[in-house]
């Protein structure tokens, strides 16, 4: 039995391919939705927010690399 889930781009139901079936565009419903998602990655829309630090802080202190 295969699982069913929704396309992450458009929300249409997508059937998970079985062990002997080609992956196709899974987990997307079609090539169009797959390319839309790729475009979002390339545009930087899936960024992880980071906490801004001081402009002069290189992060070396946090790594224990500062020279005293």
C-alpha atoms as a PDB file:
ATOM      1  CA  UNK A   1       0.000   0.000   0.000  1.00  0.00           C
ATOM      2  CA  UNK A   2       1.350   3.441  -0.903  1.00  0.00           C
ATOM      3  CA  UNK A   3       0.915   6.625   1.094  1.00  0.00           C
ATOM      4  CA  UNK A   4      -0.884   9.705  -0.197  1.00  0.00           C
ATOM      5  CA  UNK A   5       0.061  13.310   0.478  1.00  0.00           C
ATOM      6  CA  UNK A   6      -0.417  16.764  -1.029  1.00  0.00           C
ATOM      7  CA  UNK A   7       1.796  18.593  -3.522  1.00  0.00           C
ATOM      8  CA  UNK A   8       3.828  21.191  -1.573  1.00  0.00           C
ATOM      9  CA  UNK A   9       3.229  23.800  -4.309  1.00  0.00           C
ATOM     10  CA  UNK A  10      -0.454  23.557  -5.242  1.00  0.00           C
ATOM     11  CA  UNK A  11      -1.923  21.202  -2.623  1.00  0.00           C
ATOM     12  CA  UNK A  12      -3.300  18.606  -5.060  1.00  0.00           C
ATOM     13  CA  UNK A  13      -3.219  15.009  -3.798  1.00  0.00           C
ATOM     14  CA  UNK A  14      -0.101  13.086  -4.863  1.00  0.00           C
ATOM     15  CA  UNK A  15       0.284   9.319  -4.633  1.00  0.00           C
ATOM     16  CA  UNK A  16       3.653   8.058  -3.436  1.00  0.00           C
ATOM     17  CA  UNK A  17       5.166   5.744  -6.053  1.00  0.00           C
ATOM     18  CA  UNK A  18       5.591   2.090  -5.145  1.00  0.00           C
ATOM     19  CA  UNK A  19       8.981   0.370  -4.870  1.00  0.00           C
ATOM     20  CA  UNK A  20       8.993  -0.666  -8.543  1.00  0.00           C
ATOM     21  CA  UNK A  21       7.580   2.583  -9.942  1.00  0.00           C
ATOM     22  CA  UNK A  22       9.607   5.572 -11.213  1.00  0.00           C
ATOM     23  CA  UNK A  23       9.737   8.593  -8.912  1.00  0.00           C
ATOM     24  CA  UNK A  24       8.519  10.983 -11.631  1.00  0.00           C
ATOM     25  CA  UNK A  25       7.997  14.414 -10.039  1.00  0.00           C
ATOM     26  CA  UNK A  26       7.312  13.124  -6.530  1.00  0.00           C
ATOM     27  CA  UNK A  27       6.564  14.794  -4.089  1.00  0.00           C
ATOM     28  CA  UNK A  28       5.141  17.275  -6.610  1.00  0.00           C
ATOM     29  CA  UNK A  29       2.099  16.560  -8.776  1.00  0.00           C
ATOM     30  CA  UNK A  30       3.726  17.708 -12.028  1.00  0.00           C
ATOM     31  CA  UNK A  31       6.829  19.228 -13.573  1.00  0.00           C
ATOM     32  CA  UNK A  32       5.297  22.722 -13.376  1.00  0.00           C
ATOM     33  CA  UNK A  33       4.949  22.575  -9.588  1.00  0.00           C
ATOM     34  CA  UNK A  34       8.457  21.141  -9.317  1.00  0.00           C
ATOM     35  CA  UNK A  35       9.886  24.066 -11.325  1.00  0.00           C
ATOM     36  CA  UNK A  36       7.909  26.628  -9.311  1.00  0.00           C
ATOM     37  CA  UNK A  37       9.459  25.225  -6.133  1.00  0.00           C
ATOM     38  CA  UNK A  38      12.948  25.286  -7.695  1.00  0.00           C
ATOM     39  CA  UNK A  39      12.414  28.941  -8.647  1.00  0.00           C
ATOM     40  CA  UNK A  40      11.490  29.749  -5.049  1.00  0.00           C
ATOM     41  CA  UNK A  41      14.729  28.136  -3.833  1.00  0.00           C
ATOM     42  CA  UNK A  42      16.781  30.042  -6.403  1.00  0.00           C
ATOM     43  CA  UNK A  43      15.082  33.343  -5.473  1.00  0.00           C
ATOM     44  CA  UNK A  44      16.025  32.766  -1.810  1.00  0.00           C
ATOM     45  CA  UNK A  45      12.442  32.499  -0.549  1.00  0.00           C
ATOM     46  CA  UNK A  46      13.281  29.489   1.625  1.00  0.00           C
ATOM     47  CA  UNK A  47      15.939  31.190   3.745  1.00  0.00           C
ATOM     48  CA  UNK A  48      16.439  30.415   7.389  1.00  0.00           C
ATOM     49  CA  UNK A  49      16.290  33.653   9.388  1.00  0.00           C
ATOM     50  CA  UNK A  50      19.531  34.551  11.150  1.00  0.00           C
ATOM     51  CA  UNK A  51      20.212  36.899  14.007  1.00  0.00           C
ATOM     52  CA  UNK A  52      22.208  39.938  12.911  1.00  0.00           C
ATOM     53  CA  UNK A  53      25.483  40.582  14.746  1.00  0.00           C
ATOM     54  CA  UNK A  54      27.729  43.634  15.007  1.00  0.00           C
ATOM     55  CA  UNK A  55      29.364  44.655  11.725  1.00  0.00           C
ATOM     56  CA  UNK A  56      32.861  44.066  13.129  1.00  0.00           C
ATOM     57  CA  UNK A  57      32.028  40.670  14.634  1.00  0.00           C
ATOM     58  CA  UNK A  58      33.446  37.891  12.468  1.00  0.00           C
ATOM     59  CA  UNK A  59      32.116  35.112  14.667  1.00  0.00           C
ATOM     60  CA  UNK A  60      35.605  34.030  15.683  1.00  0.00           C
ATOM     61  CA  UNK A  61      34.853  34.630  19.380  1.00  0.00           C
ATOM     62  CA  UNK A  62      31.960  32.205  19.272  1.00  0.00           C
ATOM     63  CA  UNK A  63      34.242  29.560  17.776  1.00  0.00           C
ATOM     64  CA  UNK A  64      37.048  30.202  20.259  1.00  0.00           C
ATOM     65  CA  UNK A  65      39.360  31.440  17.514  1.00  0.00           C
ATOM     66  CA  UNK A  66      40.044  34.920  18.849  1.00  0.00           C
ATOM     67  CA  UNK A  67      43.655  35.871  19.381  1.00  0.00           C
ATOM     68  CA  UNK A  68      44.404  37.486  22.713  1.00  0.00           C
END
